[in-house]
Amino acid sequence: MSSDIAYAVVDFETTGLNPQDGDRAIEIGISLFRGGKEVDTFSSLINPQMRIPAFITQLTGISNAMVAGAPGPCEVFQNALDFVGDAQLVAHNASFDRKFWRRELSLVLGLECDREFVCTLMLARRVFQSFPSHRLGEIARVLNIDTGRSHRALDDARVTTIILATMMDRLRRAHPEQLIDASFLQAYQKKARTKLPDLSSIV
Protein backbone atom coordinates (compact mmCIF):
# COMPACT_ATOMS: atom_id res chain seq x y z
CA MET A 1 0.00 0.00 0.00
CA SER A 2 1.22 3.54 -0.68
CA SER A 3 0.14 7.12 -0.21
CA ASP A 4 0.28 10.06 -2.62
CA ILE A 5 0.78 12.60 0.16
CA ALA A 6 3.32 15.34 -0.52
CA TYR A 7 6.33 15.74 1.75
CA ALA A 8 8.15 19.07 2.02
CA VAL A 9 11.74 18.31 3.03
CA VAL A 10 13.17 21.45 4.63
CA ASP A 11 16.75 22.45 5.41
CA PHE A 12 18.14 25.69 6.83
CA GLU A 13 21.52 27.34 7.02
CA THR A 14 21.61 29.76 9.94
CA THR A 15 23.78 32.24 11.81
CA GLY A 16 23.93 29.91 14.82
CA LEU A 17 22.18 27.14 16.70
CA ASN A 18 19.42 28.84 18.66
CA PRO A 19 16.78 31.27 17.33
CA GLN A 20 15.79 32.06 20.91
CA ASP A 21 19.25 33.64 21.30
CA GLY A 22 18.68 35.77 18.21
CA ASP A 23 20.12 33.48 15.53
CA ARG A 24 18.45 33.79 12.13
CA ALA A 25 18.04 31.75 8.97
CA ILE A 26 20.33 32.74 6.07
CA GLU A 27 19.22 30.14 3.52
CA ILE A 28 16.28 27.80 3.07
CA GLY A 29 15.96 24.85 0.72
CA ILE A 30 12.81 22.75 0.25
CA SER A 31 12.47 19.59 -1.81
CA LEU A 32 8.86 18.63 -2.54
CA PHE A 33 8.50 14.87 -2.68
CA ARG A 34 5.47 12.92 -3.90
CA GLY A 35 4.89 9.44 -5.25
CA GLY A 36 8.46 8.33 -4.65
CA LYS A 37 10.22 11.22 -6.40
CA GLU A 38 11.07 14.89 -6.13
CA VAL A 39 8.50 16.97 -8.00
CA ASP A 40 9.58 20.56 -7.24
CA THR A 41 12.08 22.64 -5.26
CA PHE A 42 12.25 26.02 -3.54
CA SER A 43 15.45 27.74 -2.50
CA SER A 44 16.48 31.20 -1.40
CA LEU A 45 19.21 33.05 0.42
CA ILE A 46 17.79 35.25 3.18
CA ASN A 47 19.03 38.60 4.39
CA PRO A 48 19.09 37.92 8.15
CA GLN A 49 19.41 41.61 9.04
CA MET A 50 22.47 40.80 11.11
CA ARG A 51 26.07 39.84 10.38
CA ILE A 52 26.96 36.25 9.60
CA PRO A 53 29.74 34.97 11.88
CA ALA A 54 32.99 34.06 10.14
CA PHE A 55 32.80 30.40 11.19
CA ILE A 56 29.36 30.09 9.55
CA THR A 57 30.75 31.53 6.32
CA GLN A 58 33.61 29.05 6.52
CA LEU A 59 31.17 26.16 7.08
CA THR A 60 28.55 27.08 4.47
CA GLY A 61 30.32 29.38 2.04
CA ILE A 62 27.54 31.94 2.58
CA SER A 63 29.00 35.41 3.14
CA ASN A 64 27.60 38.73 4.27
CA ALA A 65 28.09 40.01 0.72
CA MET A 66 25.98 37.15 -0.66
CA VAL A 67 22.99 37.91 1.54
CA ALA A 68 23.23 41.70 1.31
CA GLY A 69 21.03 41.74 -1.79
CA ALA A 70 18.90 38.75 -0.84
CA PRO A 71 15.20 39.11 0.00
CA GLY A 72 14.26 39.62 3.63
CA PRO A 73 12.74 36.98 5.90
CA CYS A 74 9.17 38.20 5.48
CA GLU A 75 9.20 37.71 1.70
CA VAL A 76 11.11 34.42 1.80
CA PHE A 77 8.99 32.79 4.49
CA GLN A 78 5.71 33.85 2.90
CA ASN A 79 6.90 32.30 -0.37
CA ALA A 80 8.12 29.18 1.47
CA LEU A 81 4.80 28.81 3.26
CA ASP A 82 2.91 29.13 -0.03
CA PHE A 83 5.23 26.57 -1.62
CA VAL A 84 4.82 24.03 1.18
CA GLY A 85 1.02 24.30 1.30
CA ASP A 86 -0.42 21.38 3.24
CA ALA A 87 2.51 19.02 2.59
CA GLN A 88 3.94 17.02 5.48
CA LEU A 89 7.04 18.78 6.80
CA VAL A 90 10.25 16.74 7.01
CA ALA A 91 13.81 17.50 8.11
CA HIS A 92 16.98 15.68 9.13
CA ASN A 93 17.47 16.41 12.83
CA ALA A 94 14.06 18.06 12.72
CA SER A 95 14.34 19.58 16.19
CA PHE A 96 16.84 22.07 14.72
CA ASP A 97 14.96 23.02 11.55
CA ARG A 98 11.56 23.02 13.28
CA LYS A 99 12.59 25.65 15.81
CA PHE A 100 13.87 27.99 13.06
CA TRP A 101 10.76 27.36 10.93
CA ARG A 102 8.46 28.17 13.83
CA ARG A 103 10.49 31.12 15.12
CA GLU A 104 10.78 32.82 11.73
CA LEU A 105 7.09 32.35 10.93
CA SER A 106 6.18 33.81 14.31
CA LEU A 107 8.69 36.66 14.14
CA VAL A 108 8.18 37.87 10.58
CA LEU A 109 4.63 36.76 9.72
CA GLY A 110 2.99 36.62 13.13
CA LEU A 111 1.98 33.00 12.56
CA GLU A 112 2.11 30.25 15.16
CA CYS A 113 2.89 26.94 13.46
CA ASP A 114 2.45 23.77 15.50
CA ARG A 115 2.68 21.37 12.56
CA GLU A 116 4.77 18.33 13.37
CA PHE A 117 7.82 17.26 11.36
CA VAL A 118 8.86 13.80 10.28
CA CYS A 119 12.48 13.51 11.42
CA THR A 120 14.69 11.49 9.06
CA LEU A 121 17.42 11.35 11.71
CA MET A 122 15.10 9.60 14.17
CA LEU A 123 13.81 7.33 11.41
CA ALA A 124 17.33 6.48 10.25
CA ARG A 125 18.31 5.38 13.75
CA ARG A 126 15.48 2.85 13.58
CA VAL A 127 15.69 1.81 9.92
CA PHE A 128 19.48 1.83 9.40
CA GLN A 129 20.42 0.38 12.76
CA SER A 130 23.77 -1.03 11.57
CA PHE A 131 25.04 2.17 9.95
CA PRO A 132 28.14 3.56 11.70
CA SER A 133 26.59 7.03 11.94
CA HIS A 134 23.24 8.65 11.22
CA ARG A 135 24.60 12.04 10.23
CA LEU A 136 23.28 13.11 6.84
CA GLY A 137 26.62 12.88 5.06
CA GLU A 138 27.43 9.47 6.49
CA ILE A 139 24.07 7.98 5.49
CA ALA A 140 24.57 9.45 2.01
CA ARG A 141 28.05 7.90 1.82
CA VAL A 142 26.80 4.42 2.75
CA LEU A 143 23.91 4.68 0.28
CA ASN A 144 26.15 6.14 -2.46
CA ILE A 145 24.16 9.37 -2.71
CA ASP A 146 25.84 12.40 -4.27
CA THR A 147 25.73 15.07 -1.57
CA GLY A 148 26.39 18.06 -3.85
CA ARG A 149 27.44 21.06 -1.77
CA SER A 150 27.20 20.00 1.87
CA HIS A 151 25.90 22.67 4.23
CA ARG A 152 23.93 24.35 1.47
CA ALA A 153 20.23 24.18 2.14
CA LEU A 154 18.76 22.85 -1.10
CA ASP A 155 21.51 20.26 -1.66
CA ASP A 156 21.04 18.94 1.88
CA ALA A 157 17.25 18.93 1.46
CA ARG A 158 17.54 16.95 -1.77
CA VAL A 159 19.88 14.40 -0.14
CA THR A 160 17.38 14.09 2.72
CA THR A 161 14.60 13.46 0.18
CA ILE A 162 16.52 10.54 -1.35
CA ILE A 163 17.18 9.12 2.11
CA LEU A 164 13.48 9.49 2.99
CA ALA A 165 12.48 7.69 -0.21
CA THR A 166 14.94 4.89 0.54
CA MET A 167 13.65 4.42 4.07
CA MET A 168 10.02 4.46 2.94
CA ASP A 169 10.78 1.80 0.35
CA ARG A 170 12.43 -0.43 2.94
CA LEU A 171 9.57 0.09 5.37
CA ARG A 172 7.07 -0.92 2.67
CA ARG A 173 9.05 -4.13 2.09
CA ALA A 174 9.18 -4.85 5.81
CA HIS A 175 5.53 -3.92 6.44
CA PRO A 176 3.63 -4.76 3.22
CA GLU A 177 0.32 -4.74 5.08
CA GLN A 178 0.80 -1.18 6.30
CA LEU A 179 0.16 2.18 4.65
CA ILE A 180 3.54 3.93 4.91
CA ASP A 181 2.28 7.49 5.29
CA ALA A 182 3.09 10.47 7.48
CA SER A 183 1.19 9.05 10.46
CA PHE A 184 3.09 5.77 10.21
CA LEU A 185 6.45 7.58 9.97
CA GLN A 186 5.70 9.87 12.93
CA ALA A 187 4.75 6.87 15.07
CA TYR A 188 7.67 4.74 13.86
CA GLN A 189 10.29 7.40 14.64
CA LYS A 190 9.22 7.33 18.32
CA LYS A 191 9.30 3.55 18.79
CA ALA A 192 11.97 1.80 20.83
CA ARG A 193 14.72 0.82 18.41
CA THR A 194 15.34 -2.50 20.18
CA LYS A 195 11.85 -3.66 19.23
CA LEU A 196 12.23 -2.90 15.53
CA PRO A 197 13.89 -4.87 12.72
CA ASP A 198 17.19 -3.65 11.33
CA LEU A 199 16.52 -2.75 7.68
CA SER A 200 20.09 -1.70 6.89
CA SER A 201 20.68 -4.57 4.46
CA ILE A 202 17.39 -4.66 2.58
CA VAL A 203 17.98 -3.91 -1.13
C-alpha atoms as a PDB file:
ATOM      1  CA  MET A   1       0.000   0.000   0.000  1.00  0.00           C
ATOM      2  CA  SER A   2       1.223   3.541  -0.680  1.00  0.00           C
ATOM      3  CA  SER A   3       0.137   7.120  -0.214  1.00  0.00           C
ATOM      4  CA  ASP A   4       0.279  10.056  -2.616  1.00  0.00           C
ATOM      5  CA  ILE A   5       0.776  12.600   0.158  1.00  0.00           C
ATOM      6  CA  ALA A   6       3.317  15.339  -0.523  1.00  0.00           C
ATOM      7  CA  TYR A   7       6.328  15.744   1.754  1.00  0.00           C
ATOM      8  CA  ALA A   8       8.151  19.069   2.024  1.00  0.00           C
ATOM      9  CA  VAL A   9      11.739  18.310   3.025  1.00  0.00           C
ATOM     10  CA  VAL A  10      13.172  21.446   4.634  1.00  0.00           C
ATOM     11  CA  ASP A  11      16.749  22.450   5.408  1.00  0.00           C
ATOM     12  CA  PHE A  12      18.138  25.692   6.833  1.00  0.00           C
ATOM     13  CA  GLU A  13      21.519  27.337   7.015  1.00  0.00           C
ATOM     14  CA  THR A  14      21.610  29.757   9.935  1.00  0.00           C
ATOM     15  CA  THR A  15      23.780  32.243  11.810  1.00  0.00           C
ATOM     16  CA  GLY A  16      23.933  29.915  14.819  1.00  0.00           C
ATOM     17  CA  LEU A  17      22.184  27.142  16.704  1.00  0.00           C
ATOM     18  CA  ASN A  18      19.421  28.845  18.655  1.00  0.00           C
ATOM     19  CA  PRO A  19      16.783  31.265  17.331  1.00  0.00           C
ATOM     20  CA  GLN A  20      15.789  32.057  20.913  1.00  0.00           C
ATOM     21  CA  ASP A  21      19.249  33.635  21.299  1.00  0.00           C
ATOM     22  CA  GLY A  22      18.684  35.774  18.210  1.00  0.00           C
ATOM     23  CA  ASP A  23      20.123  33.479  15.532  1.00  0.00           C
ATOM     24  CA  ARG A  24      18.453  33.787  12.127  1.00  0.00           C
ATOM     25  CA  ALA A  25      18.041  31.754   8.967  1.00  0.00           C
ATOM     26  CA  ILE A  26      20.329  32.739   6.070  1.00  0.00           C
ATOM     27  CA  GLU A  27      19.218  30.135   3.517  1.00  0.00           C
ATOM     28  CA  ILE A  28      16.277  27.803   3.068  1.00  0.00           C
ATOM     29  CA  GLY A  29      15.957  24.846   0.724  1.00  0.00           C
ATOM     30  CA  ILE A  30      12.815  22.749   0.254  1.00  0.00           C
ATOM     31  CA  SER A  31      12.475  19.590  -1.813  1.00  0.00           C
ATOM     32  CA  LEU A  32       8.856  18.633  -2.536  1.00  0.00           C
ATOM     33  CA  PHE A  33       8.501  14.871  -2.682  1.00  0.00           C
ATOM     34  CA  ARG A  34       5.473  12.918  -3.905  1.00  0.00           C
ATOM     35  CA  GLY A  35       4.891   9.442  -5.254  1.00  0.00           C
ATOM     36  CA  GLY A  36       8.465   8.333  -4.654  1.00  0.00           C
ATOM     37  CA  LYS A  37      10.216  11.218  -6.395  1.00  0.00           C
ATOM     38  CA  GLU A  38      11.071  14.888  -6.128  1.00  0.00           C
ATOM     39  CA  VAL A  39       8.496  16.972  -7.998  1.00  0.00           C
ATOM     40  CA  ASP A  40       9.578  20.561  -7.239  1.00  0.00           C
ATOM     41  CA  THR A  41      12.076  22.645  -5.263  1.00  0.00           C
ATOM     42  CA  PHE A  42      12.248  26.016  -3.536  1.00  0.00           C
ATOM     43  CA  SER A  43      15.454  27.740  -2.503  1.00  0.00           C
ATOM     44  CA  SER A  44      16.483  31.204  -1.401  1.00  0.00           C
ATOM     45  CA  LEU A  45      19.205  33.050   0.423  1.00  0.00           C
ATOM     46  CA  ILE A  46      17.794  35.248   3.180  1.00  0.00           C
ATOM     47  CA  ASN A  47      19.035  38.601   4.392  1.00  0.00           C
ATOM     48  CA  PRO A  48      19.093  37.919   8.154  1.00  0.00           C
ATOM     49  CA  GLN A  49      19.410  41.606   9.043  1.00  0.00           C
ATOM     50  CA  MET A  50      22.475  40.805  11.107  1.00  0.00           C
ATOM     51  CA  ARG A  51      26.073  39.845  10.379  1.00  0.00           C
ATOM     52  CA  ILE A  52      26.965  36.253   9.596  1.00  0.00           C
ATOM     53  CA  PRO A  53      29.741  34.965  11.883  1.00  0.00           C
ATOM     54  CA  ALA A  54      32.989  34.062  10.140  1.00  0.00           C
ATOM     55  CA  PHE A  55      32.802  30.404  11.186  1.00  0.00           C
ATOM     56  CA  ILE A  56      29.360  30.086   9.549  1.00  0.00           C
ATOM     57  CA  THR A  57      30.746  31.530   6.319  1.00  0.00           C
ATOM     58  CA  GLN A  58      33.609  29.048   6.518  1.00  0.00           C
ATOM     59  CA  LEU A  59      31.173  26.158   7.081  1.00  0.00           C
ATOM     60  CA  THR A  60      28.553  27.084   4.475  1.00  0.00           C
ATOM     61  CA  GLY A  61      30.319  29.378   2.040  1.00  0.00           C
ATOM     62  CA  ILE A  62      27.544  31.941   2.576  1.00  0.00           C
ATOM     63  CA  SER A  63      29.000  35.407   3.143  1.00  0.00           C
ATOM     64  CA  ASN A  64      27.601  38.735   4.274  1.00  0.00           C
ATOM     65  CA  ALA A  65      28.087  40.011   0.718  1.00  0.00           C
ATOM     66  CA  MET A  66      25.981  37.147  -0.664  1.00  0.00           C
ATOM     67  CA  VAL A  67      22.985  37.907   1.539  1.00  0.00           C
ATOM     68  CA  ALA A  68      23.230  41.701   1.305  1.00  0.00           C
ATOM     69  CA  GLY A  69      21.032  41.745  -1.788  1.00  0.00           C
ATOM     70  CA  ALA A  70      18.896  38.746  -0.841  1.00  0.00           C
ATOM     71  CA  PRO A  71      15.202  39.108  -0.005  1.00  0.00           C
ATOM     72  CA  GLY A  72      14.259  39.622   3.628  1.00  0.00           C
ATOM     73  CA  PRO A  73      12.744  36.978   5.903  1.00  0.00           C
ATOM     74  CA  CYS A  74       9.166  38.198   5.476  1.00  0.00           C
ATOM     75  CA  GLU A  75       9.204  37.706   1.701  1.00  0.00           C
ATOM     76  CA  VAL A  76      11.112  34.424   1.800  1.00  0.00           C
ATOM     77  CA  PHE A  77       8.985  32.791   4.486  1.00  0.00           C
ATOM     78  CA  GLN A  78       5.706  33.845   2.899  1.00  0.00           C
ATOM     79  CA  ASN A  79       6.900  32.300  -0.367  1.00  0.00           C
ATOM     80  CA  ALA A  80       8.122  29.185   1.468  1.00  0.00           C
ATOM     81  CA  LEU A  81       4.802  28.806   3.263  1.00  0.00           C
ATOM     82  CA  ASP A  82       2.914  29.125  -0.026  1.00  0.00           C
ATOM     83  CA  PHE A  83       5.232  26.572  -1.621  1.00  0.00           C
ATOM     84  CA  VAL A  84       4.815  24.027   1.184  1.00  0.00           C
ATOM     85  CA  GLY A  85       1.024  24.302   1.297  1.00  0.00           C
ATOM     86  CA  ASP A  86      -0.415  21.377   3.243  1.00  0.00           C
ATOM     87  CA  ALA A  87       2.511  19.018   2.589  1.00  0.00           C
ATOM     88  CA  GLN A  88       3.937  17.017   5.477  1.00  0.00           C
ATOM     89  CA  LEU A  89       7.045  18.780   6.796  1.00  0.00           C
ATOM     90  CA  VAL A  90      10.248  16.736   7.011  1.00  0.00           C
ATOM     91  CA  ALA A  91      13.812  17.495   8.106  1.00  0.00           C
ATOM     92  CA  HIS A  92      16.976  15.681   9.131  1.00  0.00           C
ATOM     93  CA  ASN A  93      17.470  16.406  12.831  1.00  0.00           C
ATOM     94  CA  ALA A  94      14.064  18.065  12.719  1.00  0.00           C
ATOM     95  CA  SER A  95      14.336  19.582  16.188  1.00  0.00           C
ATOM     96  CA  PHE A  96      16.842  22.068  14.720  1.00  0.00           C
ATOM     97  CA  ASP A  97      14.955  23.023  11.547  1.00  0.00           C
ATOM     98  CA  ARG A  98      11.562  23.019  13.276  1.00  0.00           C
ATOM     99  CA  LYS A  99      12.592  25.650  15.806  1.00  0.00           C
ATOM    100  CA  PHE A 100      13.866  27.987  13.058  1.00  0.00           C
ATOM    101  CA  TRP A 101      10.756  27.363  10.929  1.00  0.00           C
ATOM    102  CA  ARG A 102       8.461  28.174  13.832  1.00  0.00           C
ATOM    103  CA  ARG A 103      10.493  31.123  15.118  1.00  0.00           C
ATOM    104  CA  GLU A 104      10.783  32.824  11.730  1.00  0.00           C
ATOM    105  CA  LEU A 105       7.095  32.352  10.926  1.00  0.00           C
ATOM    106  CA  SER A 106       6.184  33.814  14.307  1.00  0.00           C
ATOM    107  CA  LEU A 107       8.691  36.656  14.135  1.00  0.00           C
ATOM    108  CA  VAL A 108       8.183  37.870  10.580  1.00  0.00           C
ATOM    109  CA  LEU A 109       4.634  36.757   9.719  1.00  0.00           C
ATOM    110  CA  GLY A 110       2.994  36.622  13.130  1.00  0.00           C
ATOM    111  CA  LEU A 111       1.985  32.997  12.558  1.00  0.00           C
ATOM    112  CA  GLU A 112       2.111  30.250  15.163  1.00  0.00           C
ATOM    113  CA  CYS A 113       2.886  26.942  13.464  1.00  0.00           C
ATOM    114  CA  ASP A 114       2.448  23.770  15.497  1.00  0.00           C
ATOM    115  CA  ARG A 115       2.683  21.373  12.562  1.00  0.00           C
ATOM    116  CA  GLU A 116       4.774  18.333  13.371  1.00  0.00           C
ATOM    117  CA  PHE A 117       7.816  17.260  11.362  1.00  0.00           C
ATOM    118  CA  VAL A 118       8.858  13.805  10.284  1.00  0.00           C
ATOM    119  CA  CYS A 119      12.479  13.505  11.421  1.00  0.00           C
ATOM    120  CA  THR A 120      14.686  11.485   9.065  1.00  0.00           C
ATOM    121  CA  LEU A 121      17.419  11.346  11.711  1.00  0.00           C
ATOM    122  CA  MET A 122      15.095   9.604  14.168  1.00  0.00           C
ATOM    123  CA  LEU A 123      13.807   7.333  11.409  1.00  0.00           C
ATOM    124  CA  ALA A 124      17.327   6.480  10.246  1.00  0.00           C
ATOM    125  CA  ARG A 125      18.309   5.376  13.752  1.00  0.00           C
ATOM    126  CA  ARG A 126      15.480   2.846  13.583  1.00  0.00           C
ATOM    127  CA  VAL A 127      15.686   1.813   9.921  1.00  0.00           C
ATOM    128  CA  PHE A 128      19.476   1.832   9.401  1.00  0.00           C
ATOM    129  CA  GLN A 129      20.419   0.385  12.765  1.00  0.00           C
ATOM    130  CA  SER A 130      23.765  -1.031  11.572  1.00  0.00           C
ATOM    131  CA  PHE A 131      25.038   2.166   9.947  1.00  0.00           C
ATOM    132  CA  PRO A 132      28.135   3.555  11.701  1.00  0.00           C
ATOM    133  CA  SER A 133      26.585   7.034  11.937  1.00  0.00           C
ATOM    134  CA  HIS A 134      23.243   8.653  11.223  1.00  0.00           C
ATOM    135  CA  ARG A 135      24.605  12.041  10.227  1.00  0.00           C
ATOM    136  CA  LEU A 136      23.279  13.108   6.843  1.00  0.00           C
ATOM    137  CA  GLY A 137      26.623  12.881   5.058  1.00  0.00           C
ATOM    138  CA  GLU A 138      27.430   9.466   6.491  1.00  0.00           C
ATOM    139  CA  ILE A 139      24.070   7.984   5.495  1.00  0.00           C
ATOM    140  CA  ALA A 140      24.567   9.446   2.014  1.00  0.00           C
ATOM    141  CA  ARG A 141      28.049   7.900   1.821  1.00  0.00           C
ATOM    142  CA  VAL A 142      26.801   4.422   2.750  1.00  0.00           C
ATOM    143  CA  LEU A 143      23.911   4.676   0.283  1.00  0.00           C
ATOM    144  CA  ASN A 144      26.151   6.144  -2.456  1.00  0.00           C
ATOM    145  CA  ILE A 145      24.158   9.370  -2.710  1.00  0.00           C
ATOM    146  CA  ASP A 146      25.838  12.399  -4.275  1.00  0.00           C
ATOM    147  CA  THR A 147      25.735  15.073  -1.566  1.00  0.00           C
ATOM    148  CA  GLY A 148      26.393  18.063  -3.846  1.00  0.00           C
ATOM    149  CA  ARG A 149      27.439  21.064  -1.768  1.00  0.00           C
ATOM    150  CA  SER A 150      27.205  19.999   1.867  1.00  0.00           C
ATOM    151  CA  HIS A 151      25.901  22.671   4.230  1.00  0.00           C
ATOM    152  CA  ARG A 152      23.928  24.350   1.466  1.00  0.00           C
ATOM    153  CA  ALA A 153      20.229  24.185   2.140  1.00  0.00           C
ATOM    154  CA  LEU A 154      18.763  22.851  -1.099  1.00  0.00           C
ATOM    155  CA  ASP A 155      21.506  20.265  -1.662  1.00  0.00           C
ATOM    156  CA  ASP A 156      21.042  18.945   1.878  1.00  0.00           C
ATOM    157  CA  ALA A 157      17.253  18.926   1.464  1.00  0.00           C
ATOM    158  CA  ARG A 158      17.542  16.949  -1.767  1.00  0.00           C
ATOM    159  CA  VAL A 159      19.878  14.400  -0.138  1.00  0.00           C
ATOM    160  CA  THR A 160      17.376  14.091   2.717  1.00  0.00           C
ATOM    161  CA  THR A 161      14.605  13.461   0.184  1.00  0.00           C
ATOM    162  CA  ILE A 162      16.522  10.545  -1.347  1.00  0.00           C
ATOM    163  CA  ILE A 163      17.178   9.118   2.112  1.00  0.00           C
ATOM    164  CA  LEU A 164      13.482   9.487   2.990  1.00  0.00           C
ATOM    165  CA  ALA A 165      12.480   7.691  -0.211  1.00  0.00           C
ATOM    166  CA  THR A 166      14.943   4.887   0.540  1.00  0.00           C
ATOM    167  CA  MET A 167      13.645   4.424   4.068  1.00  0.00           C
ATOM    168  CA  MET A 168      10.016   4.464   2.944  1.00  0.00           C
ATOM    169  CA  ASP A 169      10.780   1.800   0.347  1.00  0.00           C
ATOM    170  CA  ARG A 170      12.434  -0.427   2.941  1.00  0.00           C
ATOM    171  CA  LEU A 171       9.567   0.094   5.369  1.00  0.00           C
ATOM    172  CA  ARG A 172       7.074  -0.922   2.672  1.00  0.00           C
ATOM    173  CA  ARG A 173       9.045  -4.125   2.087  1.00  0.00           C
ATOM    174  CA  ALA A 174       9.176  -4.852   5.813  1.00  0.00           C
ATOM    175  CA  HIS A 175       5.535  -3.922   6.438  1.00  0.00           C
ATOM    176  CA  PRO A 176       3.627  -4.760   3.225  1.00  0.00           C
ATOM    177  CA  GLU A 177       0.318  -4.741   5.075  1.00  0.00           C
ATOM    178  CA  GLN A 178       0.803  -1.180   6.297  1.00  0.00           C
ATOM    179  CA  LEU A 179       0.164   2.180   4.650  1.00  0.00           C
ATOM    180  CA  ILE A 180       3.540   3.928   4.908  1.00  0.00           C
ATOM    181  CA  ASP A 181       2.278   7.485   5.290  1.00  0.00           C
ATOM    182  CA  ALA A 182       3.091  10.467   7.478  1.00  0.00           C
ATOM    183  CA  SER A 183       1.193   9.053  10.458  1.00  0.00           C
ATOM    184  CA  PHE A 184       3.085   5.771  10.210  1.00  0.00           C
ATOM    185  CA  LEU A 185       6.446   7.580   9.974  1.00  0.00           C
ATOM    186  CA  GLN A 186       5.696   9.867  12.932  1.00  0.00           C
ATOM    187  CA  ALA A 187       4.749   6.867  15.069  1.00  0.00           C
ATOM    188  CA  TYR A 188       7.670   4.745  13.862  1.00  0.00           C
ATOM    189  CA  GLN A 189      10.285   7.403  14.644  1.00  0.00           C
ATOM    190  CA  LYS A 190       9.218   7.328  18.316  1.00  0.00           C
ATOM    191  CA  LYS A 191       9.298   3.550  18.794  1.00  0.00           C
ATOM    192  CA  ALA A 192      11.969   1.796  20.826  1.00  0.00           C
ATOM    193  CA  ARG A 193      14.718   0.817  18.411  1.00  0.00           C
ATOM    194  CA  THR A 194      15.341  -2.503  20.184  1.00  0.00           C
ATOM    195  CA  LYS A 195      11.846  -3.659  19.234  1.00  0.00           C
ATOM    196  CA  LEU A 196      12.227  -2.895  15.530  1.00  0.00           C
ATOM    197  CA  PRO A 197      13.885  -4.870  12.723  1.00  0.00           C
ATOM    198  CA  ASP A 198      17.191  -3.655  11.328  1.00  0.00           C
ATOM    199  CA  LEU A 199      16.520  -2.748   7.682  1.00  0.00           C
ATOM    200  CA  SER A 200      20.093  -1.705   6.892  1.00  0.00           C
ATOM    201  CA  SER A 201      20.682  -4.570   4.464  1.00  0.00           C
ATOM    202  CA  ILE A 202      17.391  -4.662   2.575  1.00  0.00           C
ATOM    203  CA  VAL A 203      17.976  -3.906  -1.132  1.00  0.00           C
END
